PDB file of N, CA and C in Angstrom:
ATOM      1  N   UNK A   1      -3.229 -45.596   8.656  1.00  0.00           N
ATOM      2  CA  UNK A   1      -2.952 -46.182   7.363  1.00  0.00           C
ATOM      3  C   UNK A   1      -1.935 -45.288   6.636  1.00  0.00           C
ATOM      4  N   UNK A   2      -0.846 -45.873   6.101  1.00  0.00           N
ATOM      5  CA  UNK A   2       0.157 -45.055   5.424  1.00  0.00           C
ATOM      6  C   UNK A   2      -0.398 -44.461   4.133  1.00  0.00           C
ATOM      7  N   UNK A   3       0.117 -43.269   3.813  1.00  0.00           N
ATOM      8  CA  UNK A   3      -0.289 -42.606   2.569  1.00  0.00           C
ATOM      9  C   UNK A   3       0.234 -43.387   1.369  1.00  0.00           C
ATOM     10  N   UNK A   4      -0.575 -43.449   0.342  1.00  0.00           N
ATOM     11  CA  UNK A   4      -0.181 -44.143  -0.882  1.00  0.00           C
ATOM     12  C   UNK A   4       0.899 -43.324  -1.595  1.00  0.00           C
ATOM     13  N   UNK A   5       1.962 -44.000  -2.016  1.00  0.00           N
ATOM     14  CA  UNK A   5       3.049 -43.306  -2.711  1.00  0.00           C
ATOM     15  C   UNK A   5       2.549 -42.799  -4.060  1.00  0.00           C
ATOM     16  N   UNK A   6       2.952 -41.588  -4.416  1.00  0.00           N
ATOM     17  CA  UNK A   6       2.566 -40.992  -5.685  1.00  0.00           C
ATOM     18  C   UNK A   6       3.448 -41.554  -6.791  1.00  0.00           C
ATOM     19  N   UNK A   7       2.842 -41.971  -7.884  1.00  0.00           N
ATOM     20  CA  UNK A   7       3.575 -42.523  -9.013  1.00  0.00           C
ATOM     21  C   UNK A   7       4.261 -41.403  -9.786  1.00  0.00           C
ATOM     22  N   UNK A   8       5.505 -41.638 -10.175  1.00  0.00           N
ATOM     23  CA  UNK A   8       6.240 -40.697 -11.011  1.00  0.00           C
ATOM     24  C   UNK A   8       5.800 -40.919 -12.451  1.00  0.00           C
ATOM     25  N   UNK A   9       4.887 -40.092 -12.926  1.00  0.00           N
ATOM     26  CA  UNK A   9       4.328 -40.270 -14.262  1.00  0.00           C
ATOM     27  C   UNK A   9       5.329 -39.962 -15.365  1.00  0.00           C
ATOM     28  N   UNK A  10       6.450 -39.311 -15.025  1.00  0.00           N
ATOM     29  CA  UNK A  10       7.461 -39.068 -16.048  1.00  0.00           C
ATOM     30  C   UNK A  10       8.056 -40.394 -16.529  1.00  0.00           C
ATOM     31  N   UNK A  11       8.077 -41.398 -15.662  1.00  0.00           N
ATOM     32  CA  UNK A  11       8.561 -42.732 -16.052  1.00  0.00           C
ATOM     33  C   UNK A  11       7.600 -43.341 -17.074  1.00  0.00           C
ATOM     34  N   UNK A  12       6.312 -43.208 -16.823  1.00  0.00           N
ATOM     35  CA  UNK A  12       5.298 -43.718 -17.748  1.00  0.00           C
ATOM     36  C   UNK A  12       5.429 -43.001 -19.089  1.00  0.00           C
ATOM     37  N   UNK A  13       5.538 -41.680 -19.055  1.00  0.00           N
ATOM     38  CA  UNK A  13       5.670 -40.903 -20.292  1.00  0.00           C
ATOM     39  C   UNK A  13       6.918 -41.318 -21.066  1.00  0.00           C
ATOM     40  N   UNK A  14       8.023 -41.499 -20.378  1.00  0.00           N
ATOM     41  CA  UNK A  14       9.273 -41.886 -21.046  1.00  0.00           C
ATOM     42  C   UNK A  14       9.130 -43.235 -21.748  1.00  0.00           C
ATOM     43  N   UNK A  15       8.473 -44.182 -21.119  1.00  0.00           N
ATOM     44  CA  UNK A  15       8.276 -45.503 -21.738  1.00  0.00           C
ATOM     45  C   UNK A  15       7.378 -45.410 -22.963  1.00  0.00           C
ATOM     46  N   UNK A  16       6.277 -44.666 -22.844  1.00  0.00           N
ATOM     47  CA  UNK A  16       5.368 -44.518 -23.976  1.00  0.00           C
ATOM     48  C   UNK A  16       6.030 -43.752 -25.120  1.00  0.00           C
ATOM     49  N   UNK A  17       6.800 -42.721 -24.774  1.00  0.00           N
ATOM     50  CA  UNK A  17       7.515 -41.953 -25.795  1.00  0.00           C
ATOM     51  C   UNK A  17       8.542 -42.827 -26.509  1.00  0.00           C
ATOM     52  N   UNK A  18       9.201 -43.710 -25.791  1.00  0.00           N
ATOM     53  CA  UNK A  18      10.182 -44.609 -26.400  1.00  0.00           C
ATOM     54  C   UNK A  18       9.503 -45.546 -27.397  1.00  0.00           C
ATOM     55  N   UNK A  19       8.309 -46.028 -27.062  1.00  0.00           N
ATOM     56  CA  UNK A  19       7.560 -46.897 -27.972  1.00  0.00           C
ATOM     57  C   UNK A  19       7.250 -46.148 -29.263  1.00  0.00           C
ATOM     58  N   UNK A  20       6.712 -44.953 -29.146  1.00  0.00           N
ATOM     59  CA  UNK A  20       6.329 -44.158 -30.314  1.00  0.00           C
ATOM     60  C   UNK A  20       7.545 -43.563 -31.010  1.00  0.00           C
ATOM     61  N   UNK A  21       8.527 -43.157 -30.234  1.00  0.00           N
ATOM     62  CA  UNK A  21       9.691 -42.460 -30.773  1.00  0.00           C
ATOM     63  C   UNK A  21      10.543 -43.280 -31.721  1.00  0.00           C
ATOM     64  N   UNK A  22      10.482 -44.590 -31.622  1.00  0.00           N
ATOM     65  CA  UNK A  22      11.312 -45.400 -32.518  1.00  0.00           C
ATOM     66  C   UNK A  22      10.866 -45.290 -33.971  1.00  0.00           C
ATOM     67  N   UNK A  23       9.683 -44.722 -34.202  1.00  0.00           N
ATOM     68  CA  UNK A  23       9.178 -44.523 -35.560  1.00  0.00           C
ATOM     69  C   UNK A  23       9.430 -43.101 -36.070  1.00  0.00           C
ATOM     70  N   UNK A  24      10.127 -42.291 -35.290  1.00  0.00           N
ATOM     71  CA  UNK A  24      10.462 -40.917 -35.700  1.00  0.00           C
ATOM     72  C   UNK A  24      11.654 -40.965 -36.647  1.00  0.00           C
ATOM     73  N   UNK A  25      11.367 -41.339 -37.880  1.00  0.00           N
ATOM     74  CA  UNK A  25      12.388 -41.423 -38.921  1.00  0.00           C
ATOM     75  C   UNK A  25      11.685 -41.300 -40.267  1.00  0.00           C
ATOM     76  N   UNK A  26      12.462 -41.145 -41.304  1.00  0.00           N
ATOM     77  CA  UNK A  26      11.848 -40.980 -42.620  1.00  0.00           C
ATOM     78  C   UNK A  26      10.931 -39.779 -42.616  1.00  0.00           C
ATOM     79  N   UNK A  27       9.730 -39.974 -43.105  1.00  0.00           N
ATOM     80  CA  UNK A  27       8.803 -38.851 -43.192  1.00  0.00           C
ATOM     81  C   UNK A  27       8.112 -38.532 -41.864  1.00  0.00           C
ATOM     82  N   UNK A  28       8.154 -39.449 -40.901  1.00  0.00           N
ATOM     83  CA  UNK A  28       7.525 -39.187 -39.595  1.00  0.00           C
ATOM     84  C   UNK A  28       8.497 -38.447 -38.685  1.00  0.00           C
ATOM     85  N   UNK A  29       8.074 -37.295 -38.222  1.00  0.00           N
ATOM     86  CA  UNK A  29       8.900 -36.485 -37.340  1.00  0.00           C
ATOM     87  C   UNK A  29       8.057 -35.947 -36.187  1.00  0.00           C
ATOM     88  N   UNK A  30       8.694 -35.685 -35.036  1.00  0.00           N
ATOM     89  CA  UNK A  30       7.932 -35.133 -33.916  1.00  0.00           C
ATOM     90  C   UNK A  30       7.308 -33.784 -34.282  1.00  0.00           C
ATOM     91  N   UNK A  31       6.048 -33.651 -34.010  1.00  0.00           N
ATOM     92  CA  UNK A  31       5.354 -32.380 -34.206  1.00  0.00           C
ATOM     93  C   UNK A  31       5.233 -31.666 -32.862  1.00  0.00           C
ATOM     94  N   UNK A  32       5.142 -32.451 -31.818  1.00  0.00           N
ATOM     95  CA  UNK A  32       5.099 -31.902 -30.456  1.00  0.00           C
ATOM     96  C   UNK A  32       5.940 -32.822 -29.593  1.00  0.00           C
ATOM     97  N   UNK A  33       6.812 -32.231 -28.785  1.00  0.00           N
ATOM     98  CA  UNK A  33       7.687 -33.020 -27.913  1.00  0.00           C
ATOM     99  C   UNK A  33       7.932 -32.227 -26.641  1.00  0.00           C
ATOM    100  N   UNK A  34       7.092 -32.479 -25.639  1.00  0.00           N
ATOM    101  CA  UNK A  34       7.210 -31.789 -24.351  1.00  0.00           C
ATOM    102  C   UNK A  34       7.343 -32.829 -23.245  1.00  0.00           C
ATOM    103  N   UNK A  35       7.400 -32.366 -22.029  1.00  0.00           N
ATOM    104  CA  UNK A  35       7.518 -33.264 -20.882  1.00  0.00           C
ATOM    105  C   UNK A  35       6.265 -34.114 -20.677  1.00  0.00           C
ATOM    106  N   UNK A  36       5.151 -33.706 -21.269  1.00  0.00           N
ATOM    107  CA  UNK A  36       3.903 -34.449 -21.081  1.00  0.00           C
ATOM    108  C   UNK A  36       3.252 -34.926 -22.381  1.00  0.00           C
ATOM    109  N   UNK A  37       3.780 -34.495 -23.539  1.00  0.00           N
ATOM    110  CA  UNK A  37       3.184 -34.881 -24.816  1.00  0.00           C
ATOM    111  C   UNK A  37       4.266 -35.209 -25.844  1.00  0.00           C
ATOM    112  N   UNK A  38       3.948 -36.134 -26.721  1.00  0.00           N
ATOM    113  CA  UNK A  38       4.822 -36.471 -27.841  1.00  0.00           C
ATOM    114  C   UNK A  38       3.921 -36.859 -28.995  1.00  0.00           C
ATOM    115  N   UNK A  39       4.120 -36.234 -30.144  1.00  0.00           N
ATOM    116  CA  UNK A  39       3.245 -36.457 -31.285  1.00  0.00           C
ATOM    117  C   UNK A  39       4.073 -36.627 -32.549  1.00  0.00           C
ATOM    118  N   UNK A  40       3.726 -37.629 -33.355  1.00  0.00           N
ATOM    119  CA  UNK A  40       4.414 -37.874 -34.625  1.00  0.00           C
ATOM    120  C   UNK A  40       3.469 -37.620 -35.785  1.00  0.00           C
ATOM    121  N   UNK A  41       3.993 -36.917 -36.790  1.00  0.00           N
ATOM    122  CA  UNK A  41       3.210 -36.648 -37.989  1.00  0.00           C
ATOM    123  C   UNK A  41       4.146 -36.590 -39.182  1.00  0.00           C
ATOM    124  N   UNK A  42       3.568 -36.763 -40.332  1.00  0.00           N
ATOM    125  CA  UNK A  42       4.324 -36.691 -41.571  1.00  0.00           C
ATOM    126  C   UNK A  42       3.717 -35.666 -42.499  1.00  0.00           C
ATOM    127  N   UNK A  43       4.447 -35.312 -43.535  1.00  0.00           N
ATOM    128  CA  UNK A  43       3.953 -34.311 -44.482  1.00  0.00           C
ATOM    129  C   UNK A  43       2.801 -34.875 -45.320  1.00  0.00           C
ATOM    130  N   UNK A  44       2.071 -33.989 -45.962  1.00  0.00           N
ATOM    131  CA  UNK A  44       1.010 -34.449 -46.857  1.00  0.00           C
ATOM    132  C   UNK A  44       1.592 -35.350 -47.955  1.00  0.00           C
ATOM    133  N   UNK A  45       0.818 -36.337 -48.348  1.00  0.00           N
ATOM    134  CA  UNK A  45       1.226 -37.246 -49.422  1.00  0.00           C
ATOM    135  C   UNK A  45       0.074 -37.398 -50.402  1.00  0.00           C
ATOM    136  N   UNK A  46       0.377 -37.968 -51.527  1.00  0.00           N
ATOM    137  CA  UNK A  46      -0.680 -38.247 -52.495  1.00  0.00           C
ATOM    138  C   UNK A  46      -1.691 -39.214 -51.885  1.00  0.00           C
ATOM    139  N   UNK A  47      -1.179 -40.213 -51.160  1.00  0.00           N
ATOM    140  CA  UNK A  47      -2.058 -41.203 -50.537  1.00  0.00           C
ATOM    141  C   UNK A  47      -2.942 -40.592 -49.447  1.00  0.00           C
ATOM    142  N   UNK A  48      -2.473 -39.505 -48.809  1.00  0.00           N
ATOM    143  CA  UNK A  48      -3.280 -38.855 -47.763  1.00  0.00           C
ATOM    144  C   UNK A  48      -4.111 -37.710 -48.334  1.00  0.00           C
ATOM    145  N   UNK A  49      -4.164 -37.651 -49.660  1.00  0.00           N
ATOM    146  CA  UNK A  49      -4.953 -36.631 -50.366  1.00  0.00           C
ATOM    147  C   UNK A  49      -4.545 -35.216 -49.979  1.00  0.00           C
ATOM    148  N   UNK A  50      -3.223 -35.036 -49.811  1.00  0.00           N
ATOM    149  CA  UNK A  50      -2.696 -33.709 -49.536  1.00  0.00           C
ATOM    150  C   UNK A  50      -2.821 -33.237 -48.104  1.00  0.00           C
ATOM    151  N   UNK A  51      -3.265 -34.113 -47.216  1.00  0.00           N
ATOM    152  CA  UNK A  51      -3.395 -33.733 -45.805  1.00  0.00           C
ATOM    153  C   UNK A  51      -2.222 -34.295 -45.015  1.00  0.00           C
ATOM    154  N   UNK A  52      -1.851 -33.591 -43.955  1.00  0.00           N
ATOM    155  CA  UNK A  52      -0.792 -34.064 -43.078  1.00  0.00           C
ATOM    156  C   UNK A  52      -1.141 -35.460 -42.566  1.00  0.00           C
ATOM    157  N   UNK A  53      -0.138 -36.318 -42.447  1.00  0.00           N
ATOM    158  CA  UNK A  53      -0.339 -37.679 -41.953  1.00  0.00           C
ATOM    159  C   UNK A  53      -0.055 -37.688 -40.454  1.00  0.00           C
ATOM    160  N   UNK A  54      -1.091 -37.843 -39.658  1.00  0.00           N
ATOM    161  CA  UNK A  54      -0.938 -37.912 -38.207  1.00  0.00           C
ATOM    162  C   UNK A  54      -0.800 -39.380 -37.840  1.00  0.00           C
ATOM    163  N   UNK A  55       0.351 -39.741 -37.274  1.00  0.00           N
ATOM    164  CA  UNK A  55       0.605 -41.141 -36.942  1.00  0.00           C
ATOM    165  C   UNK A  55       0.152 -41.498 -35.533  1.00  0.00           C
ATOM    166  N   UNK A  56       0.467 -40.677 -34.575  1.00  0.00           N
ATOM    167  CA  UNK A  56       0.073 -40.999 -33.211  1.00  0.00           C
ATOM    168  C   UNK A  56       0.649 -40.024 -32.209  1.00  0.00           C
ATOM    169  N   UNK A  57       0.233 -40.188 -30.964  1.00  0.00           N
ATOM    170  CA  UNK A  57       0.673 -39.289 -29.904  1.00  0.00           C
ATOM    171  C   UNK A  57       0.707 -40.016 -28.568  1.00  0.00           C
ATOM    172  N   UNK A  58       1.441 -39.447 -27.655  1.00  0.00           N
ATOM    173  CA  UNK A  58       1.550 -39.955 -26.292  1.00  0.00           C
ATOM    174  C   UNK A  58       1.095 -38.858 -25.345  1.00  0.00           C
ATOM    175  N   UNK A  59       0.168 -39.201 -24.482  1.00  0.00           N
ATOM    176  CA  UNK A  59      -0.213 -38.352 -23.361  1.00  0.00           C
ATOM    177  C   UNK A  59      -0.308 -39.280 -22.162  1.00  0.00           C
ATOM    178  N   UNK A  60       0.059 -38.780 -21.011  1.00  0.00           N
ATOM    179  CA  UNK A  60       0.029 -39.625 -19.822  1.00  0.00           C
ATOM    180  C   UNK A  60      -1.417 -39.929 -19.457  1.00  0.00           C
ATOM    181  N   UNK A  61      -1.810 -41.250 -19.604  1.00  0.00           N
ATOM    182  CA  UNK A  61      -3.146 -41.674 -19.216  1.00  0.00           C
ATOM    183  C   UNK A  61      -3.061 -42.860 -18.281  1.00  0.00           C
ATOM    184  N   UNK A  62      -1.900 -43.488 -18.182  1.00  0.00           N
ATOM    185  CA  UNK A  62      -1.723 -44.569 -17.205  1.00  0.00           C
ATOM    186  C   UNK A  62      -1.529 -43.935 -15.834  1.00  0.00           C
ATOM    187  N   UNK A  63      -1.830 -44.666 -14.798  1.00  0.00           N
ATOM    188  CA  UNK A  63      -1.590 -44.154 -13.452  1.00  0.00           C
ATOM    189  C   UNK A  63      -0.344 -44.767 -12.837  1.00  0.00           C
ATOM    190  N   UNK A  64       0.189 -45.802 -13.503  1.00  0.00           N
ATOM    191  CA  UNK A  64       1.401 -46.469 -13.028  1.00  0.00           C
ATOM    192  C   UNK A  64       1.984 -47.275 -14.182  1.00  0.00           C
ATOM    193  N   UNK A  65       3.289 -47.539 -14.155  1.00  0.00           N
ATOM    194  CA  UNK A  65       3.876 -48.384 -15.202  1.00  0.00           C
ATOM    195  C   UNK A  65       3.223 -49.764 -15.210  1.00  0.00           C
ATOM    196  N   UNK A  66       2.961 -50.278 -16.407  1.00  0.00           N
ATOM    197  CA  UNK A  66       2.333 -51.588 -16.550  1.00  0.00           C
ATOM    198  C   UNK A  66       2.998 -52.288 -17.733  1.00  0.00           C
ATOM    199  N   UNK A  67       3.882 -53.217 -17.445  1.00  0.00           N
ATOM    200  CA  UNK A  67       4.671 -53.874 -18.482  1.00  0.00           C
ATOM    201  C   UNK A  67       3.812 -54.559 -19.535  1.00  0.00           C
ATOM    202  N   UNK A  68       2.716 -55.182 -19.129  1.00  0.00           N
ATOM    203  CA  UNK A  68       1.833 -55.848 -20.099  1.00  0.00           C
ATOM    204  C   UNK A  68       1.224 -54.848 -21.075  1.00  0.00           C
ATOM    205  N   UNK A  69       0.798 -53.698 -20.562  1.00  0.00           N
ATOM    206  CA  UNK A  69       0.230 -52.683 -21.446  1.00  0.00           C
ATOM    207  C   UNK A  69       1.291 -52.077 -22.352  1.00  0.00           C
ATOM    208  N   UNK A  70       2.495 -51.849 -21.830  1.00  0.00           N
ATOM    209  CA  UNK A  70       3.577 -51.325 -22.673  1.00  0.00           C
ATOM    210  C   UNK A  70       3.854 -52.288 -23.821  1.00  0.00           C
ATOM    211  N   UNK A  71       3.897 -53.578 -23.528  1.00  0.00           N
ATOM    212  CA  UNK A  71       4.157 -54.586 -24.558  1.00  0.00           C
ATOM    213  C   UNK A  71       3.035 -54.596 -25.597  1.00  0.00           C
ATOM    214  N   UNK A  72       1.800 -54.534 -25.134  1.00  0.00           N
ATOM    215  CA  UNK A  72       0.664 -54.518 -26.053  1.00  0.00           C
ATOM    216  C   UNK A  72       0.682 -53.268 -26.935  1.00  0.00           C
ATOM    217  N   UNK A  73       0.959 -52.122 -26.342  1.00  0.00           N
ATOM    218  CA  UNK A  73       1.017 -50.883 -27.116  1.00  0.00           C
ATOM    219  C   UNK A  73       2.160 -50.896 -28.130  1.00  0.00           C
ATOM    220  N   UNK A  74       3.291 -51.462 -27.754  1.00  0.00           N
ATOM    221  CA  UNK A  74       4.416 -51.556 -28.688  1.00  0.00           C
ATOM    222  C   UNK A  74       4.024 -52.394 -29.904  1.00  0.00           C
ATOM    223  N   UNK A  75       3.341 -53.505 -29.682  1.00  0.00           N
ATOM    224  CA  UNK A  75       2.895 -54.350 -30.781  1.00  0.00           C
ATOM    225  C   UNK A  75       1.871 -53.657 -31.668  1.00  0.00           C
ATOM    226  N   UNK A  76       0.919 -52.965 -31.067  1.00  0.00           N
ATOM    227  CA  UNK A  76      -0.099 -52.248 -31.839  1.00  0.00           C
ATOM    228  C   UNK A  76       0.522 -51.106 -32.643  1.00  0.00           C
ATOM    229  N   UNK A  77       1.474 -50.409 -32.037  1.00  0.00           N
ATOM    230  CA  UNK A  77       2.140 -49.313 -32.736  1.00  0.00           C
ATOM    231  C   UNK A  77       2.916 -49.847 -33.935  1.00  0.00           C
ATOM    232  N   UNK A  78       3.585 -50.969 -33.770  1.00  0.00           N
ATOM    233  CA  UNK A  78       4.327 -51.566 -34.876  1.00  0.00           C
ATOM    234  C   UNK A  78       3.380 -51.988 -36.005  1.00  0.00           C
ATOM    235  N   UNK A  79       2.270 -52.603 -35.659  1.00  0.00           N
ATOM    236  CA  UNK A  79       1.288 -52.990 -36.681  1.00  0.00           C
ATOM    237  C   UNK A  79       0.755 -51.767 -37.417  1.00  0.00           C
ATOM    238  N   UNK A  80       0.491 -50.708 -36.671  1.00  0.00           N
ATOM    239  CA  UNK A  80       0.010 -49.470 -37.289  1.00  0.00           C
ATOM    240  C   UNK A  80       1.030 -48.880 -38.242  1.00  0.00           C
ATOM    241  N   UNK A  81       2.297 -48.881 -37.829  1.00  0.00           N
ATOM    242  CA  UNK A  81       3.352 -48.340 -38.684  1.00  0.00           C
ATOM    243  C   UNK A  81       3.468 -49.151 -39.973  1.00  0.00           C
ATOM    244  N   UNK A  82       3.400 -50.464 -39.858  1.00  0.00           N
ATOM    245  CA  UNK A  82       3.459 -51.314 -41.058  1.00  0.00           C
ATOM    246  C   UNK A  82       2.277 -51.024 -41.988  1.00  0.00           C
ATOM    247  N   UNK A  83       1.104 -50.821 -41.430  1.00  0.00           N
ATOM    248  CA  UNK A  83      -0.077 -50.514 -42.246  1.00  0.00           C
ATOM    249  C   UNK A  83       0.076 -49.151 -42.927  1.00  0.00           C
ATOM    250  N   UNK A  84       0.638 -48.171 -42.222  1.00  0.00           N
ATOM    251  CA  UNK A  84       0.862 -46.842 -42.810  1.00  0.00           C
ATOM    252  C   UNK A  84       1.862 -46.936 -43.957  1.00  0.00           C
ATOM    253  N   UNK A  85       2.908 -47.737 -43.778  1.00  0.00           N
ATOM    254  CA  UNK A  85       3.909 -47.914 -44.840  1.00  0.00           C
ATOM    255  C   UNK A  85       3.287 -48.610 -46.055  1.00  0.00           C
ATOM    256  N   UNK A  86       2.489 -49.628 -45.803  1.00  0.00           N
ATOM    257  CA  UNK A  86       1.850 -50.365 -46.896  1.00  0.00           C
ATOM    258  C   UNK A  86       0.907 -49.444 -47.683  1.00  0.00           C
ATOM    259  N   UNK A  87       0.214 -48.547 -46.976  1.00  0.00           N
ATOM    260  CA  UNK A  87      -0.708 -47.612 -47.614  1.00  0.00           C
ATOM    261  C   UNK A  87       0.033 -46.412 -48.226  1.00  0.00           C
ATOM    262  N   UNK A  88       1.360 -46.407 -48.095  1.00  0.00           N
ATOM    263  CA  UNK A  88       2.219 -45.341 -48.618  1.00  0.00           C
ATOM    264  C   UNK A  88       1.922 -43.977 -48.001  1.00  0.00           C
ATOM    265  N   UNK A  89       1.541 -44.007 -46.726  1.00  0.00           N
ATOM    266  CA  UNK A  89       1.299 -42.771 -46.001  1.00  0.00           C
ATOM    267  C   UNK A  89       2.571 -42.241 -45.364  1.00  0.00           C
ATOM    268  N   UNK A  90       3.522 -43.142 -45.093  1.00  0.00           N
ATOM    269  CA  UNK A  90       4.813 -42.751 -44.516  1.00  0.00           C
ATOM    270  C   UNK A  90       5.917 -43.504 -45.228  1.00  0.00           C
ATOM    271  N   UNK A  91       7.134 -42.966 -45.093  1.00  0.00           N
ATOM    272  CA  UNK A  91       8.299 -43.651 -45.669  1.00  0.00           C
ATOM    273  C   UNK A  91       9.218 -44.109 -44.571  1.00  0.00           C
TER     274      UNK A  91
END
C-alpha cells in the first residue's frame, strides 16, 4: 500500500491567515505573526473597559485544505468583525 502523502500545512495556514489578515487595519493589528500563528488585537477602548480587544487568531488545526470550511470561516470572521465594529470595539 503506498504511503499517504503528507499535507503541506503551510498552505492551510496561508489561507486561514488571508481570511483573518484582511481585517488587519484601523485599530486591529497583528500581535503575533509567525509561520504557524497569526493573531489580531486592538488597543483598549472605552467599550472594552480598558482591556485589549482580542479579535482572533489562526493556528493550524486543519489536516488538509477544505474549501467549504475556508468559505464558512470567512463568513463567520466577517460577521464577527461587523459585530465588533457595531459594539465600537474596533475601528
